[in-house]
Amino acid sequence: MKPGNIFASIPPDLDDELFEVLISSDSVIIEKIVSRGHQSPESGWYDQNKNEWVLVLRGSARLMFDDHTEVSLETGDFIHIPSHKKHRVSWTDSDRETIWLAVHF
């Protein structure tokens, strides 16, 4: 067993969002996501087969759902997104990293 640090290995330049699977099994995937001004494409919706629980460890973001509900998330905020609930990232802070911890189950 080797410990890790969720805030380590963040590149200074993020042309694309960073997705890093921290651990996975048949039933659970835990990943770190790092955004800096990134958002989903206007035409793109996530429609996932698994439930997703997301925690913002640092930064801020907004999620939009297909019913046009928008949720703002700040450091420490979390949300459960049921499977097949269409959503997209509509905004992330461009001045600093938004670091997410996502649990897919």
PDB file of N, CA and C in Angstrom:
ATOM      1  N   MET A   1       0.845  -1.179   0.000  1.00  0.00           N
ATOM      2  CA  MET A   1       0.000   0.000   0.000  1.00  0.00           C
ATOM      3  C   MET A   1       0.885   1.235   0.000  1.00  0.00           C
ATOM      4  N   LYS A   2       0.499   2.175  -0.837  1.00  0.00           N
ATOM      5  CA  LYS A   2       1.268   3.402  -0.967  1.00  0.00           C
ATOM      6  C   LYS A   2       0.306   4.583  -0.889  1.00  0.00           C
ATOM      7  N   PRO A   3       0.560   5.530   0.013  1.00  0.00           N
ATOM      8  CA  PRO A   3      -0.338   6.682   0.100  1.00  0.00           C
ATOM      9  C   PRO A   3      -0.163   7.615  -1.102  1.00  0.00           C
ATOM     10  N   GLY A   4      -1.187   8.389  -1.375  1.00  0.00           N
ATOM     11  CA  GLY A   4      -1.137   9.384  -2.440  1.00  0.00           C
ATOM     12  C   GLY A   4      -1.598  10.722  -1.912  1.00  0.00           C
ATOM     13  N   ASN A   5      -1.516  11.727  -2.745  1.00  0.00           N
ATOM     14  CA  ASN A   5      -1.985  13.058  -2.377  1.00  0.00           C
ATOM     15  C   ASN A   5      -2.862  13.574  -3.502  1.00  0.00           C
ATOM     16  N   ILE A   6      -4.096  13.891  -3.198  1.00  0.00           N
ATOM     17  CA  ILE A   6      -5.077  14.313  -4.201  1.00  0.00           C
ATOM     18  C   ILE A   6      -4.650  15.610  -4.906  1.00  0.00           C
ATOM     19  N   PHE A   7      -3.834  16.431  -4.251  1.00  0.00           N
ATOM     20  CA  PHE A   7      -3.420  17.711  -4.817  1.00  0.00           C
ATOM     21  C   PHE A   7      -2.089  17.634  -5.565  1.00  0.00           C
ATOM     22  N   ALA A   8      -1.485  16.450  -5.602  1.00  0.00           N
ATOM     23  CA  ALA A   8      -0.206  16.276  -6.304  1.00  0.00           C
ATOM     24  C   ALA A   8      -0.443  16.061  -7.796  1.00  0.00           C
ATOM     25  N   SER A   9       0.605  16.250  -8.549  1.00  0.00           N
ATOM     26  CA  SER A   9       0.618  15.943  -9.993  1.00  0.00           C
ATOM     27  C   SER A   9      -0.395  16.739 -10.802  1.00  0.00           C
ATOM     28  N   ILE A  10      -0.559  18.002 -10.471  1.00  0.00           N
ATOM     29  CA  ILE A  10      -1.429  18.873 -11.262  1.00  0.00           C
ATOM     30  C   ILE A  10      -0.532  19.720 -12.158  1.00  0.00           C
ATOM     31  N   PRO A  11      -0.635  19.527 -13.469  1.00  0.00           N
ATOM     32  CA  PRO A  11       0.235  20.283 -14.373  1.00  0.00           C
ATOM     33  C   PRO A  11      -0.095  21.778 -14.346  1.00  0.00           C
ATOM     34  N   PRO A  12       0.910  22.621 -14.548  1.00  0.00           N
ATOM     35  CA  PRO A  12       0.661  24.072 -14.527  1.00  0.00           C
ATOM     36  C   PRO A  12      -0.228  24.534 -15.682  1.00  0.00           C
ATOM     37  N   ASP A  13      -0.149  23.849 -16.816  1.00  0.00           N
ATOM     38  CA  ASP A  13      -0.976  24.188 -17.976  1.00  0.00           C
ATOM     39  C   ASP A  13      -1.968  23.066 -18.204  1.00  0.00           C
ATOM     40  N   LEU A  14      -3.236  23.434 -18.301  1.00  0.00           N
ATOM     41  CA  LEU A  14      -4.282  22.440 -18.530  1.00  0.00           C
ATOM     42  C   LEU A  14      -5.030  22.791 -19.811  1.00  0.00           C
ATOM     43  N   ASP A  15      -4.523  22.299 -20.941  1.00  0.00           N
ATOM     44  CA  ASP A  15      -5.237  22.521 -22.201  1.00  0.00           C
ATOM     45  C   ASP A  15      -6.569  21.779 -22.182  1.00  0.00           C
ATOM     46  N   ASP A  16      -6.576  20.600 -21.578  1.00  0.00           N
ATOM     47  CA  ASP A  16      -7.778  19.781 -21.436  1.00  0.00           C
ATOM     48  C   ASP A  16      -7.970  19.466 -19.959  1.00  0.00           C
ATOM     49  N   GLU A  17      -9.197  19.138 -19.608  1.00  0.00           N
ATOM     50  CA  GLU A  17      -9.435  18.686 -18.244  1.00  0.00           C
ATOM     51  C   GLU A  17      -8.589  17.445 -17.971  1.00  0.00           C
ATOM     52  N   LEU A  18      -8.180  17.301 -16.720  1.00  0.00           N
ATOM     53  CA  LEU A  18      -7.401  16.148 -16.296  1.00  0.00           C
ATOM     54  C   LEU A  18      -8.323  15.161 -15.592  1.00  0.00           C
ATOM     55  N   PHE A  19      -8.344  13.929 -16.061  1.00  0.00           N
ATOM     56  CA  PHE A  19      -9.101  12.846 -15.439  1.00  0.00           C
ATOM     57  C   PHE A  19      -8.113  11.792 -14.996  1.00  0.00           C
ATOM     58  N   GLU A  20      -8.139  11.446 -13.709  1.00  0.00           N
ATOM     59  CA  GLU A  20      -7.221  10.439 -13.179  1.00  0.00           C
ATOM     60  C   GLU A  20      -8.006   9.459 -12.316  1.00  0.00           C
ATOM     61  N   VAL A  21      -8.066   8.199 -12.746  1.00  0.00           N
ATOM     62  CA  VAL A  21      -8.728   7.171 -11.952  1.00  0.00           C
ATOM     63  C   VAL A  21      -7.814   6.839 -10.779  1.00  0.00           C
ATOM     64  N   LEU A  22      -8.348   6.996  -9.566  1.00  0.00           N
ATOM     65  CA  LEU A  22      -7.567   6.723  -8.365  1.00  0.00           C
ATOM     66  C   LEU A  22      -7.699   5.274  -7.938  1.00  0.00           C
ATOM     67  N   ILE A  23      -8.902   4.725  -8.122  1.00  0.00           N
ATOM     68  CA  ILE A  23      -9.146   3.320  -7.795  1.00  0.00           C
ATOM     69  C   ILE A  23     -10.413   2.891  -8.529  1.00  0.00           C
ATOM     70  N   SER A  24     -10.439   1.619  -8.909  1.00  0.00           N
ATOM     71  CA  SER A  24     -11.643   1.128  -9.580  1.00  0.00           C
ATOM     72  C   SER A  24     -11.856  -0.345  -9.271  1.00  0.00           C
ATOM     73  N   SER A  25     -13.111  -0.732  -9.352  1.00  0.00           N
ATOM     74  CA  SER A  25     -13.506  -2.137  -9.227  1.00  0.00           C
ATOM     75  C   SER A  25     -14.693  -2.334 -10.157  1.00  0.00           C
ATOM     76  N   ASP A  26     -15.282  -3.504 -10.126  1.00  0.00           N
ATOM     77  CA  ASP A  26     -16.449  -3.752 -10.973  1.00  0.00           C
ATOM     78  C   ASP A  26     -17.623  -2.846 -10.608  1.00  0.00           C
ATOM     79  N   SER A  27     -17.704  -2.430  -9.345  1.00  0.00           N
ATOM     80  CA  SER A  27     -18.870  -1.671  -8.895  1.00  0.00           C
ATOM     81  C   SER A  27     -18.608  -0.198  -8.593  1.00  0.00           C
ATOM     82  N   VAL A  28     -17.339   0.209  -8.445  1.00  0.00           N
ATOM     83  CA  VAL A  28     -17.020   1.589  -8.052  1.00  0.00           C
ATOM     84  C   VAL A  28     -15.806   2.095  -8.820  1.00  0.00           C
ATOM     85  N   ILE A  29     -15.886   3.346  -9.248  1.00  0.00           N
ATOM     86  CA  ILE A  29     -14.728   4.051  -9.817  1.00  0.00           C
ATOM     87  C   ILE A  29     -14.615   5.366  -9.057  1.00  0.00           C
ATOM     88  N   ILE A  30     -13.418   5.644  -8.550  1.00  0.00           N
ATOM     89  CA  ILE A  30     -13.148   6.919  -7.872  1.00  0.00           C
ATOM     90  C   ILE A  30     -12.100   7.640  -8.693  1.00  0.00           C
ATOM     91  N   GLU A  31     -12.422   8.878  -9.092  1.00  0.00           N
ATOM     92  CA  GLU A  31     -11.481   9.618  -9.931  1.00  0.00           C
ATOM     93  C   GLU A  31     -11.324  11.052  -9.458  1.00  0.00           C
ATOM     94  N   LYS A  32     -10.151  11.581  -9.775  1.00  0.00           N
ATOM     95  CA  LYS A  32      -9.849  12.998  -9.572  1.00  0.00           C
ATOM     96  C   LYS A  32     -10.025  13.674 -10.926  1.00  0.00           C
ATOM     97  N   ILE A  33     -10.707  14.813 -10.918  1.00  0.00           N
ATOM     98  CA  ILE A  33     -10.868  15.617 -12.124  1.00  0.00           C
ATOM     99  C   ILE A  33     -10.361  17.015 -11.802  1.00  0.00           C
ATOM    100  N   VAL A  34      -9.562  17.565 -12.695  1.00  0.00           N
ATOM    101  CA  VAL A  34      -9.058  18.927 -12.507  1.00  0.00           C
ATOM    102  C   VAL A  34      -9.491  19.763 -13.711  1.00  0.00           C
ATOM    103  N   SER A  35     -10.159  20.873 -13.426  1.00  0.00           N
ATOM    104  CA  SER A  35     -10.647  21.791 -14.457  1.00  0.00           C
ATOM    105  C   SER A  35     -10.082  23.175 -14.186  1.00  0.00           C
ATOM    106  N   ARG A  36      -9.851  23.924 -15.231  1.00  0.00           N
ATOM    107  CA  ARG A  36      -9.481  25.339 -15.098  1.00  0.00           C
ATOM    108  C   ARG A  36     -10.089  26.064 -16.287  1.00  0.00           C
ATOM    109  N   GLY A  37     -11.327  26.532 -16.103  1.00  0.00           N
ATOM    110  CA  GLY A  37     -12.027  27.219 -17.175  1.00  0.00           C
ATOM    111  C   GLY A  37     -12.666  26.275 -18.175  1.00  0.00           C
ATOM    112  N   HIS A  38     -12.633  24.989 -17.905  1.00  0.00           N
ATOM    113  CA  HIS A  38     -13.211  24.015 -18.827  1.00  0.00           C
ATOM    114  C   HIS A  38     -14.711  23.888 -18.601  1.00  0.00           C
ATOM    115  N   GLN A  39     -15.397  23.492 -19.646  1.00  0.00           N
ATOM    116  CA  GLN A  39     -16.822  23.182 -19.563  1.00  0.00           C
ATOM    117  C   GLN A  39     -17.143  22.151 -20.626  1.00  0.00           C
ATOM    118  N   SER A  40     -18.283  21.511 -20.474  1.00  0.00           N
ATOM    119  CA  SER A  40     -18.711  20.520 -21.466  1.00  0.00           C
ATOM    120  C   SER A  40     -19.086  21.246 -22.753  1.00  0.00           C
ATOM    121  N   PRO A  41     -18.967  20.554 -23.883  1.00  0.00           N
ATOM    122  CA  PRO A  41     -19.435  21.172 -25.129  1.00  0.00           C
ATOM    123  C   PRO A  41     -20.920  21.497 -25.034  1.00  0.00           C
ATOM    124  N   GLU A  42     -21.348  22.578 -25.682  1.00  0.00           N
ATOM    125  CA  GLU A  42     -22.748  22.999 -25.626  1.00  0.00           C
ATOM    126  C   GLU A  42     -23.703  21.866 -25.988  1.00  0.00           C
ATOM    127  N   SER A  43     -23.314  21.034 -26.927  1.00  0.00           N
ATOM    128  CA  SER A  43     -24.192  19.958 -27.374  1.00  0.00           C
ATOM    129  C   SER A  43     -23.969  18.653 -26.606  1.00  0.00           C
ATOM    130  N   GLY A  44     -23.032  18.661 -25.660  1.00  0.00           N
ATOM    131  CA  GLY A  44     -22.673  17.418 -24.980  1.00  0.00           C
ATOM    132  C   GLY A  44     -23.321  17.276 -23.617  1.00  0.00           C
ATOM    133  N   TRP A  45     -23.962  16.138 -23.391  1.00  0.00           N
ATOM    134  CA  TRP A  45     -24.552  15.813 -22.092  1.00  0.00           C
ATOM    135  C   TRP A  45     -23.965  14.499 -21.611  1.00  0.00           C
ATOM    136  N   TYR A  46     -23.605  14.461 -20.328  1.00  0.00           N
ATOM    137  CA  TYR A  46     -23.230  13.184 -19.724  1.00  0.00           C
ATOM    138  C   TYR A  46     -24.524  12.435 -19.421  1.00  0.00           C
ATOM    139  N   ASP A  47     -24.594  11.189 -19.835  1.00  0.00           N
ATOM    140  CA  ASP A  47     -25.725  10.308 -19.572  1.00  0.00           C
ATOM    141  C   ASP A  47     -25.121   8.977 -19.144  1.00  0.00           C
ATOM    142  N   GLN A  48     -24.842   8.857 -17.866  1.00  0.00           N
ATOM    143  CA  GLN A  48     -24.019   7.769 -17.350  1.00  0.00           C
ATOM    144  C   GLN A  48     -24.852   6.608 -16.842  1.00  0.00           C
ATOM    145  N   ASN A  49     -24.311   5.414 -16.984  1.00  0.00           N
ATOM    146  CA  ASN A  49     -24.981   4.206 -16.522  1.00  0.00           C
ATOM    147  C   ASN A  49     -24.927   4.036 -15.010  1.00  0.00           C
ATOM    148  N   LYS A  50     -23.994   4.707 -14.365  1.00  0.00           N
ATOM    149  CA  LYS A  50     -23.831   4.586 -12.913  1.00  0.00           C
ATOM    150  C   LYS A  50     -24.230   5.886 -12.228  1.00  0.00           C
ATOM    151  N   ASN A  51     -24.592   5.783 -10.949  1.00  0.00           N
ATOM    152  CA  ASN A  51     -24.775   6.965 -10.115  1.00  0.00           C
ATOM    153  C   ASN A  51     -23.417   7.642  -9.969  1.00  0.00           C
ATOM    154  N   GLU A  52     -23.445   8.955  -9.723  1.00  0.00           N
ATOM    155  CA  GLU A  52     -22.203   9.692  -9.504  1.00  0.00           C
ATOM    156  C   GLU A  52     -22.382  10.612  -8.300  1.00  0.00           C
ATOM    157  N   TRP A  53     -21.409  10.555  -7.406  1.00  0.00           N
ATOM    158  CA  TRP A  53     -21.353  11.463  -6.267  1.00  0.00           C
ATOM    159  C   TRP A  53     -20.096  12.296  -6.475  1.00  0.00           C
ATOM    160  N   VAL A  54     -20.255  13.625  -6.477  1.00  0.00           N
ATOM    161  CA  VAL A  54     -19.145  14.528  -6.779  1.00  0.00           C
ATOM    162  C   VAL A  54     -18.939  15.498  -5.621  1.00  0.00           C
ATOM    163  N   LEU A  55     -17.679  15.694  -5.246  1.00  0.00           N
ATOM    164  CA  LEU A  55     -17.278  16.635  -4.201  1.00  0.00           C
ATOM    165  C   LEU A  55     -16.270  17.603  -4.793  1.00  0.00           C
ATOM    166  N   VAL A  56     -16.489  18.908  -4.604  1.00  0.00           N
ATOM    167  CA  VAL A  56     -15.511  19.907  -5.030  1.00  0.00           C
ATOM    168  C   VAL A  56     -14.529  20.111  -3.872  1.00  0.00           C
ATOM    169  N   LEU A  57     -13.292  19.681  -4.083  1.00  0.00           N
ATOM    170  CA  LEU A  57     -12.262  19.801  -3.053  1.00  0.00           C
ATOM    171  C   LEU A  57     -11.646  21.189  -3.023  1.00  0.00           C
ATOM    172  N   ARG A  58     -11.613  21.819  -4.193  1.00  0.00           N
ATOM    173  CA  ARG A  58     -11.030  23.166  -4.309  1.00  0.00           C
ATOM    174  C   ARG A  58     -11.628  23.807  -5.558  1.00  0.00           C
ATOM    175  N   GLY A  59     -11.914  25.103  -5.472  1.00  0.00           N
ATOM    176  CA  GLY A  59     -12.404  25.819  -6.649  1.00  0.00           C
ATOM    177  C   GLY A  59     -13.907  25.973  -6.664  1.00  0.00           C
ATOM    178  N   SER A  60     -14.444  26.209  -7.858  1.00  0.00           N
ATOM    179  CA  SER A  60     -15.881  26.409  -8.015  1.00  0.00           C
ATOM    180  C   SER A  60     -16.306  26.037  -9.428  1.00  0.00           C
ATOM    181  N   ALA A  61     -17.583  25.655  -9.542  1.00  0.00           N
ATOM    182  CA  ALA A  61     -18.099  25.178 -10.820  1.00  0.00           C
ATOM    183  C   ALA A  61     -19.621  25.290 -10.823  1.00  0.00           C
ATOM    184  N   ARG A  62     -20.190  25.117 -12.008  1.00  0.00           N
ATOM    185  CA  ARG A  62     -21.639  25.032 -12.150  1.00  0.00           C
ATOM    186  C   ARG A  62     -21.970  23.822 -13.012  1.00  0.00           C
ATOM    187  N   LEU A  63     -22.999  23.099 -12.591  1.00  0.00           N
ATOM    188  CA  LEU A  63     -23.525  21.985 -13.362  1.00  0.00           C
ATOM    189  C   LEU A  63     -24.903  22.362 -13.878  1.00  0.00           C
ATOM    190  N   MET A  64     -25.195  21.995 -15.114  1.00  0.00           N
ATOM    191  CA  MET A  64     -26.523  22.199 -15.672  1.00  0.00           C
ATOM    192  C   MET A  64     -27.118  20.833 -15.979  1.00  0.00           C
ATOM    193  N   PHE A  65     -28.414  20.711 -15.700  1.00  0.00           N
ATOM    194  CA  PHE A  65     -29.130  19.471 -15.967  1.00  0.00           C
ATOM    195  C   PHE A  65     -30.069  19.684 -17.141  1.00  0.00           C
ATOM    196  N   ASP A  66     -30.512  18.579 -17.746  1.00  0.00           N
ATOM    197  CA  ASP A  66     -31.305  18.692 -18.971  1.00  0.00           C
ATOM    198  C   ASP A  66     -32.667  19.341 -18.762  1.00  0.00           C
ATOM    199  N   ASP A  67     -33.087  19.508 -17.509  1.00  0.00           N
ATOM    200  CA  ASP A  67     -34.317  20.257 -17.235  1.00  0.00           C
ATOM    201  C   ASP A  67     -34.034  21.751 -17.040  1.00  0.00           C
ATOM    202  N   HIS A  68     -32.802  22.176 -17.367  1.00  0.00           N
ATOM    203  CA  HIS A  68     -32.305  23.556 -17.291  1.00  0.00           C
ATOM    204  C   HIS A  68     -32.062  24.043 -15.860  1.00  0.00           C
ATOM    205  N   THR A  69     -32.106  23.131 -14.895  1.00  0.00           N
ATOM    206  CA  THR A  69     -31.699  23.466 -13.535  1.00  0.00           C
ATOM    207  C   THR A  69     -30.190  23.620 -13.526  1.00  0.00           C
ATOM    208  N   GLU A  70     -29.700  24.670 -12.856  1.00  0.00           N
ATOM    209  CA  GLU A  70     -28.259  24.879 -12.742  1.00  0.00           C
ATOM    210  C   GLU A  70     -27.899  24.915 -11.262  1.00  0.00           C
ATOM    211  N   VAL A  71     -26.818  24.223 -10.913  1.00  0.00           N
ATOM    212  CA  VAL A  71     -26.362  24.123  -9.534  1.00  0.00           C
ATOM    213  C   VAL A  71     -24.942  24.657  -9.453  1.00  0.00           C
ATOM    214  N   SER A  72     -24.707  25.600  -8.526  1.00  0.00           N
ATOM    215  CA  SER A  72     -23.362  26.126  -8.279  1.00  0.00           C
ATOM    216  C   SER A  72     -22.723  25.330  -7.153  1.00  0.00           C
ATOM    217  N   LEU A  73     -21.457  24.996  -7.334  1.00  0.00           N
ATOM    218  CA  LEU A  73     -20.707  24.241  -6.343  1.00  0.00           C
ATOM    219  C   LEU A  73     -19.441  25.010  -5.982  1.00  0.00           C
ATOM    220  N   GLU A  74     -19.172  25.115  -4.702  1.00  0.00           N
ATOM    221  CA  GLU A  74     -17.968  25.757  -4.175  1.00  0.00           C
ATOM    222  C   GLU A  74     -17.179  24.716  -3.383  1.00  0.00           C
ATOM    223  N   THR A  75     -16.000  25.081  -2.944  1.00  0.00           N
ATOM    224  CA  THR A  75     -15.167  24.199  -2.137  1.00  0.00           C
ATOM    225  C   THR A  75     -15.986  23.581  -1.006  1.00  0.00           C
ATOM    226  N   GLY A  76     -15.951  22.261  -0.931  1.00  0.00           N
ATOM    227  CA  GLY A  76     -16.667  21.543   0.114  1.00  0.00           C
ATOM    228  C   GLY A  76     -18.061  21.082  -0.271  1.00  0.00           C
ATOM    229  N   ASP A  77     -18.609  21.602  -1.363  1.00  0.00           N
ATOM    230  CA  ASP A  77     -19.951  21.206  -1.791  1.00  0.00           C
ATOM    231  C   ASP A  77     -19.914  19.870  -2.509  1.00  0.00           C
ATOM    232  N   PHE A  78     -20.976  19.093  -2.335  1.00  0.00           N
ATOM    233  CA  PHE A  78     -21.096  17.821  -3.036  1.00  0.00           C
ATOM    234  C   PHE A  78     -22.515  17.655  -3.549  1.00  0.00           C
ATOM    235  N   ILE A  79     -22.658  16.742  -4.518  1.00  0.00           N
ATOM    236  CA  ILE A  79     -23.960  16.469  -5.107  1.00  0.00           C
ATOM    237  C   ILE A  79     -24.000  15.019  -5.575  1.00  0.00           C
ATOM    238  N   HIS A  80     -25.169  14.420  -5.450  1.00  0.00           N
ATOM    239  CA  HIS A  80     -25.405  13.075  -5.985  1.00  0.00           C
ATOM    240  C   HIS A  80     -26.174  13.236  -7.291  1.00  0.00           C
ATOM    241  N   ILE A  81     -25.673  12.611  -8.341  1.00  0.00           N
ATOM    242  CA  ILE A  81     -26.317  12.645  -9.655  1.00  0.00           C
ATOM    243  C   ILE A  81     -26.746  11.219  -9.980  1.00  0.00           C
ATOM    244  N   PRO A  82     -28.062  10.960  -9.996  1.00  0.00           N
ATOM    245  CA  PRO A  82     -28.532   9.600 -10.291  1.00  0.00           C
ATOM    246  C   PRO A  82     -28.137   9.165 -11.702  1.00  0.00           C
ATOM    247  N   SER A  83     -28.031   7.863 -11.890  1.00  0.00           N
ATOM    248  CA  SER A  83     -27.704   7.344 -13.215  1.00  0.00           C
ATOM    249  C   SER A  83     -28.729   7.846 -14.228  1.00  0.00           C
ATOM    250  N   HIS A  84     -28.244   8.124 -15.413  1.00  0.00           N
ATOM    251  CA  HIS A  84     -29.041   8.594 -16.555  1.00  0.00           C
ATOM    252  C   HIS A  84     -29.673   9.976 -16.351  1.00  0.00           C
ATOM    253  N   LYS A  85     -29.256  10.710 -15.317  1.00  0.00           N
ATOM    254  CA  LYS A  85     -29.679  12.111 -15.181  1.00  0.00           C
ATOM    255  C   LYS A  85     -28.721  12.931 -16.041  1.00  0.00           C
ATOM    256  N   LYS A  86     -29.197  13.400 -17.168  1.00  0.00           N
ATOM    257  CA  LYS A  86     -28.328  14.114 -18.101  1.00  0.00           C
ATOM    258  C   LYS A  86     -27.857  15.421 -17.477  1.00  0.00           C
ATOM    259  N   HIS A  87     -26.544  15.659 -17.606  1.00  0.00           N
ATOM    260  CA  HIS A  87     -25.946  16.856 -17.021  1.00  0.00           C
ATOM    261  C   HIS A  87     -24.694  17.235 -17.806  1.00  0.00           C
ATOM    262  N   ARG A  88     -24.256  18.452 -17.566  1.00  0.00           N
ATOM    263  CA  ARG A  88     -23.026  18.936 -18.187  1.00  0.00           C
ATOM    264  C   ARG A  88     -22.402  19.957 -17.254  1.00  0.00           C
ATOM    265  N   VAL A  89     -21.102  20.164 -17.412  1.00  0.00           N
ATOM    266  CA  VAL A  89     -20.392  21.215 -16.680  1.00  0.00           C
ATOM    267  C   VAL A  89     -20.568  22.491 -17.494  1.00  0.00           C
ATOM    268  N   SER A  90     -21.256  23.475 -16.934  1.00  0.00           N
ATOM    269  CA  SER A  90     -21.528  24.712 -17.674  1.00  0.00           C
ATOM    270  C   SER A  90     -20.485  25.796 -17.406  1.00  0.00           C
ATOM    271  N   TRP A  91     -19.690  25.639 -16.329  1.00  0.00           N
ATOM    272  CA  TRP A  91     -18.676  26.649 -16.011  1.00  0.00           C
ATOM    273  C   TRP A  91     -17.741  26.117 -14.943  1.00  0.00           C
ATOM    274  N   THR A  92     -16.451  26.428 -15.071  1.00  0.00           N
ATOM    275  CA  THR A  92     -15.484  26.263 -13.987  1.00  0.00           C
ATOM    276  C   THR A  92     -14.611  27.508 -13.943  1.00  0.00           C
ATOM    277  N   ASP A  93     -14.102  27.802 -12.780  1.00  0.00           N
ATOM    278  CA  ASP A  93     -13.267  28.981 -12.556  1.00  0.00           C
ATOM    279  C   ASP A  93     -12.049  28.941 -13.468  1.00  0.00           C
ATOM    280  N   SER A  94     -11.803  30.015 -14.202  1.00  0.00           N
ATOM    281  CA  SER A  94     -10.647  30.054 -15.108  1.00  0.00           C
ATOM    282  C   SER A  94      -9.391  30.598 -14.428  1.00  0.00           C
ATOM    283  N   ASP A  95      -9.527  31.151 -13.218  1.00  0.00           N
ATOM    284  CA  ASP A  95      -8.383  31.731 -12.512  1.00  0.00           C
ATOM    285  C   ASP A  95      -7.663  30.748 -11.597  1.00  0.00           C
ATOM    286  N   ARG A  96      -8.324  29.644 -11.268  1.00  0.00           N
ATOM    287  CA  ARG A  96      -7.705  28.644 -10.387  1.00  0.00           C
ATOM    288  C   ARG A  96      -8.308  27.278 -10.702  1.00  0.00           C
ATOM    289  N   GLU A  97      -7.619  26.249 -10.263  1.00  0.00           N
ATOM    290  CA  GLU A  97      -8.099  24.894 -10.515  1.00  0.00           C
ATOM    291  C   GLU A  97      -9.361  24.603  -9.727  1.00  0.00           C
ATOM    292  N   THR A  98     -10.240  23.871 -10.348  1.00  0.00           N
ATOM    293  CA  THR A  98     -11.340  23.231  -9.642  1.00  0.00           C
ATOM    294  C   THR A  98     -10.985  21.754  -9.591  1.00  0.00           C
ATOM    295  N   ILE A  99     -10.852  21.251  -8.373  1.00  0.00           N
ATOM    296  CA  ILE A  99     -10.469  19.857  -8.181  1.00  0.00           C
ATOM    297  C   ILE A  99     -11.686  19.112  -7.645  1.00  0.00           C
ATOM    298  N   TRP A 100     -12.113  18.128  -8.417  1.00  0.00           N
ATOM    299  CA  TRP A 100     -13.280  17.327  -8.091  1.00  0.00           C
ATOM    300  C   TRP A 100     -12.852  15.939  -7.643  1.00  0.00           C
ATOM    301  N   LEU A 101     -13.611  15.350  -6.740  1.00  0.00           N
ATOM    302  CA  LEU A 101     -13.502  13.937  -6.428  1.00  0.00           C
ATOM    303  C   LEU A 101     -14.829  13.325  -6.855  1.00  0.00           C
ATOM    304  N   ALA A 102     -14.785  12.413  -7.826  1.00  0.00           N
ATOM    305  CA  ALA A 102     -16.000  11.807  -8.361  1.00  0.00           C
ATOM    306  C   ALA A 102     -16.009  10.321  -8.030  1.00  0.00           C
ATOM    307  N   VAL A 103     -17.137   9.879  -7.510  1.00  0.00           N
ATOM    308  CA  VAL A 103     -17.329   8.468  -7.176  1.00  0.00           C
ATOM    309  C   VAL A 103     -18.486   7.966  -8.037  1.00  0.00           C
ATOM    310  N   HIS A 104     -18.188   7.019  -8.915  1.00  0.00           N
ATOM    311  CA  HIS A 104     -19.193   6.406  -9.780  1.00  0.00           C
ATOM    312  C   HIS A 104     -19.523   5.040  -9.194  1.00  0.00           C
ATOM    313  N   PHE A 105     -20.806   4.807  -8.931  1.00  0.00           N
ATOM    314  CA  PHE A 105     -21.190   3.540  -8.300  1.00  0.00           C
ATOM    315  C   PHE A 105     -22.526   3.036  -8.818  1.00  0.00           C
TER     316      PHE A 105
END
